C-alpha cells in the first residue's frame, strides 16, 4: 500500500513539474532611473516633434541662438527643465507686471545646453506659476518666439512662450 502511494505521489510530482517546465514564464525587471529618464526624454522629444509638425515649425532653440537677429518673430521649439527666475533685462525689462520668467535649461539631444529666459504671460500661464511656487523644478516643452519689439542687439537667450506643455 505504501509503495503504491509513493508511486502515485511520485507520478503526480513528475506531471506537475513537467507542466512547469513547459510553461512560458515571463521575467520582468524594474526599469532603472536612467532607463526611465531616457524613455521620458524620448517621449518628450516625440511630443515636441509632433507639435512642430502640427504647427509647421522648423526652427529649434539651437538654430535661433546662433542666428538670433535673423530669427526674430519666428516660432521655435525647445524643451527642458525650468525654474522660476527674476531676470528682466534688455527689451524685456518692463514686462514683469504682466509676465513671469523661468530659466529653461534645454535638453538638446547633442547634450549641449545653454539656458534660456522664457517670459510667460501671468494670466495665460497662471497654473504653471502656481505649480512652480510649490515645486521649484518642472519639465516644459513648447514653442517660443523672440518678438522684434523686445529684441536688443547683444541680448542673451530670451523669448516669449507661445504654446507650452508641462
Protein backbone atom coordinates (compact mmCIF):
# COMPACT_ATOMS: atom_id res chain seq x y z
CA UNK A 1 0.00 0.00 0.00
CA UNK A 2 2.81 2.37 0.91
CA UNK A 3 4.66 1.60 -2.32
CA UNK A 4 1.53 2.33 -4.32
CA UNK A 5 1.02 5.64 -2.53
CA UNK A 6 4.64 6.64 -3.09
CA UNK A 7 4.40 5.74 -6.77
CA UNK A 8 1.26 7.87 -7.14
CA UNK A 9 2.90 10.83 -5.35
CA UNK A 10 6.00 10.43 -7.48
CA UNK A 11 3.95 10.36 -10.71
CA UNK A 12 1.93 13.41 -9.63
CA UNK A 13 5.15 15.27 -8.87
CA UNK A 14 6.52 14.43 -12.31
CA UNK A 15 3.34 15.63 -14.03
CA UNK A 16 3.28 18.88 -12.08
CA UNK A 17 7.00 19.57 -12.67
CA UNK A 18 6.80 18.78 -16.38
CA UNK A 19 3.93 21.24 -16.66
CA UNK A 20 6.05 23.92 -15.03
CA UNK A 21 8.96 23.28 -17.35
CA UNK A 22 6.88 23.75 -20.48
CA UNK A 23 5.04 26.85 -19.28
CA UNK A 24 6.05 30.20 -20.71
CA UNK A 25 7.49 32.22 -17.87
CA UNK A 26 7.94 35.94 -18.47
CA UNK A 27 10.52 37.68 -16.35
CA UNK A 28 10.07 41.38 -15.63
CA UNK A 29 12.58 43.66 -14.03
CA UNK A 30 12.10 47.18 -12.78
CA UNK A 31 13.44 49.93 -15.02
CA UNK A 32 16.48 51.77 -13.74
CA UNK A 33 16.18 55.55 -13.22
CA UNK A 34 18.44 56.05 -16.26
CA UNK A 35 16.17 53.90 -18.45
CA UNK A 36 13.08 55.75 -17.22
CA UNK A 37 14.70 59.14 -17.87
CA UNK A 38 15.76 58.05 -21.36
CA UNK A 39 12.23 56.81 -22.07
CA UNK A 40 10.71 60.07 -20.78
CA UNK A 41 13.15 62.13 -22.86
CA UNK A 42 12.26 60.11 -25.96
CA UNK A 43 8.52 60.56 -25.31
CA UNK A 44 9.01 64.30 -24.77
CA UNK A 45 11.15 64.56 -27.92
CA UNK A 46 8.42 62.80 -29.92
CA UNK A 47 5.75 65.08 -28.42
CA UNK A 48 7.79 68.18 -29.30
CA UNK A 49 8.37 66.91 -32.84
CA UNK A 50 4.60 66.35 -33.16
CA UNK A 51 3.89 69.94 -32.08
CA UNK A 52 6.49 71.23 -34.53
CA UNK A 53 4.90 69.26 -37.35
CA UNK A 54 1.33 70.31 -36.44
CA UNK A 55 2.29 74.00 -36.19
CA UNK A 56 4.68 73.93 -39.16
CA UNK A 57 7.69 74.98 -37.06
CA UNK A 58 11.16 74.06 -38.32
CA UNK A 59 13.47 76.02 -36.01
CA UNK A 60 14.82 74.84 -32.68
CA UNK A 61 16.32 76.93 -29.89
CA UNK A 62 19.76 75.85 -31.02
CA UNK A 63 19.08 77.23 -34.52
CA UNK A 64 17.86 80.53 -33.09
CA UNK A 65 20.58 81.17 -30.52
CA UNK A 66 23.24 81.17 -33.24
CA UNK A 67 21.24 83.35 -35.63
CA UNK A 68 19.08 85.47 -33.33
CA UNK A 69 18.81 88.71 -35.39
CA UNK A 70 17.57 86.70 -38.40
CA UNK A 71 15.14 84.60 -36.37
CA UNK A 72 13.00 87.34 -34.83
CA UNK A 73 9.22 86.88 -34.88
CA UNK A 74 9.63 83.21 -35.84
CA UNK A 75 8.42 80.37 -33.66
CA UNK A 76 10.97 77.82 -32.50
CA UNK A 77 10.80 74.66 -30.40
CA UNK A 78 12.57 73.77 -27.18
CA UNK A 79 12.20 71.53 -24.14
CA UNK A 80 13.95 71.18 -20.82
CA UNK A 81 13.88 71.71 -17.08
CA UNK A 82 12.56 75.01 -15.77
CA UNK A 83 12.63 77.00 -12.56
CA UNK A 84 11.27 80.42 -11.64
CA UNK A 85 13.66 83.30 -12.13
CA UNK A 86 13.63 87.10 -11.90
CA UNK A 87 15.72 88.13 -14.91
CA UNK A 88 14.12 91.10 -16.69
CA UNK A 89 16.69 92.81 -18.90
CA UNK A 90 17.22 94.40 -22.32
CA UNK A 91 13.91 94.82 -24.14
CA UNK A 92 12.19 92.55 -21.61
CA UNK A 93 12.82 94.94 -18.66
CA UNK A 94 9.28 96.32 -18.39
CA UNK A 95 7.42 93.00 -18.68
CA UNK A 96 7.39 92.00 -15.01
CA UNK A 97 3.89 93.26 -14.31
CA UNK A 98 2.30 91.09 -17.00
CA UNK A 99 4.86 88.28 -17.37
CA UNK A 100 6.76 85.97 -15.07
CA UNK A 101 10.05 84.41 -16.13
CA UNK A 102 11.52 80.92 -15.94
CA UNK A 103 15.03 79.79 -16.69
CA UNK A 104 14.87 76.83 -19.06
CA UNK A 105 17.85 74.52 -19.44
CA UNK A 106 17.33 72.74 -22.75
CA UNK A 107 17.76 69.03 -23.15
CA UNK A 108 19.22 69.07 -26.65
CA UNK A 109 19.89 65.56 -27.95
CA UNK A 110 23.53 66.54 -28.56
CA UNK A 111 23.94 67.24 -24.84
CA UNK A 112 24.81 70.93 -25.21
CA UNK A 113 22.62 73.24 -23.18
CA UNK A 114 22.70 76.97 -22.60
CA UNK A 115 19.90 78.38 -20.50
CA UNK A 116 17.09 80.48 -21.91
CA UNK A 117 14.93 83.01 -20.08
CA UNK A 118 11.34 82.38 -21.07
CA UNK A 119 8.69 85.02 -20.35
CA UNK A 120 5.17 83.72 -19.76
CA UNK A 121 2.01 85.78 -19.61
CA UNK A 122 0.80 85.72 -15.99
CA UNK A 123 -2.90 85.31 -16.81
CA UNK A 124 -2.44 82.74 -19.58
CA UNK A 125 0.06 80.58 -17.70
CA UNK A 126 -1.03 81.17 -14.09
CA UNK A 127 -1.36 77.45 -13.34
CA UNK A 128 2.30 76.89 -14.23
CA UNK A 129 3.31 79.78 -11.97
CA UNK A 130 1.33 78.25 -9.08
CA UNK A 131 2.91 74.84 -9.75
CA UNK A 132 6.42 76.33 -9.71
CA UNK A 133 5.70 78.05 -6.40
CA UNK A 134 5.14 74.59 -4.87
CA UNK A 135 7.59 72.50 -6.95
CA UNK A 136 10.61 74.57 -7.92
CA UNK A 137 11.66 72.36 -10.85
CA UNK A 138 9.41 71.21 -13.67
CA UNK A 139 9.82 69.99 -17.24
CA UNK A 140 8.43 72.10 -20.07
CA UNK A 141 8.27 71.81 -23.82
CA UNK A 142 6.76 74.13 -26.35
CA UNK A 143 7.03 76.86 -28.91
CA UNK A 144 8.66 80.21 -28.26
CA UNK A 145 9.38 83.44 -30.11
CA UNK A 146 11.68 86.45 -29.83
CA UNK A 147 9.46 89.40 -30.73
CA UNK A 148 11.22 92.08 -32.78
CA UNK A 149 9.73 94.75 -30.48
CA UNK A 150 11.62 93.36 -27.45
CA UNK A 151 14.87 92.35 -29.11
CA UNK A 152 18.02 94.36 -28.41
CA UNK A 153 21.38 93.70 -30.00
CA UNK A 154 23.67 91.82 -27.64
CA UNK A 155 20.94 90.24 -25.54
CA UNK A 156 21.19 86.65 -24.41
CA UNK A 157 18.70 83.84 -24.87
CA UNK A 158 15.36 85.45 -24.03
CA UNK A 159 11.99 84.64 -25.59
CA UNK A 160 8.23 84.74 -25.06
CA UNK A 161 6.29 81.46 -24.60
CA UNK A 162 3.66 80.88 -27.28
CA UNK A 163 2.48 77.30 -26.66
CA UNK A 164 3.67 75.12 -23.80
CA UNK A 165 3.12 71.81 -22.05
CA UNK A 166 4.49 70.89 -18.65
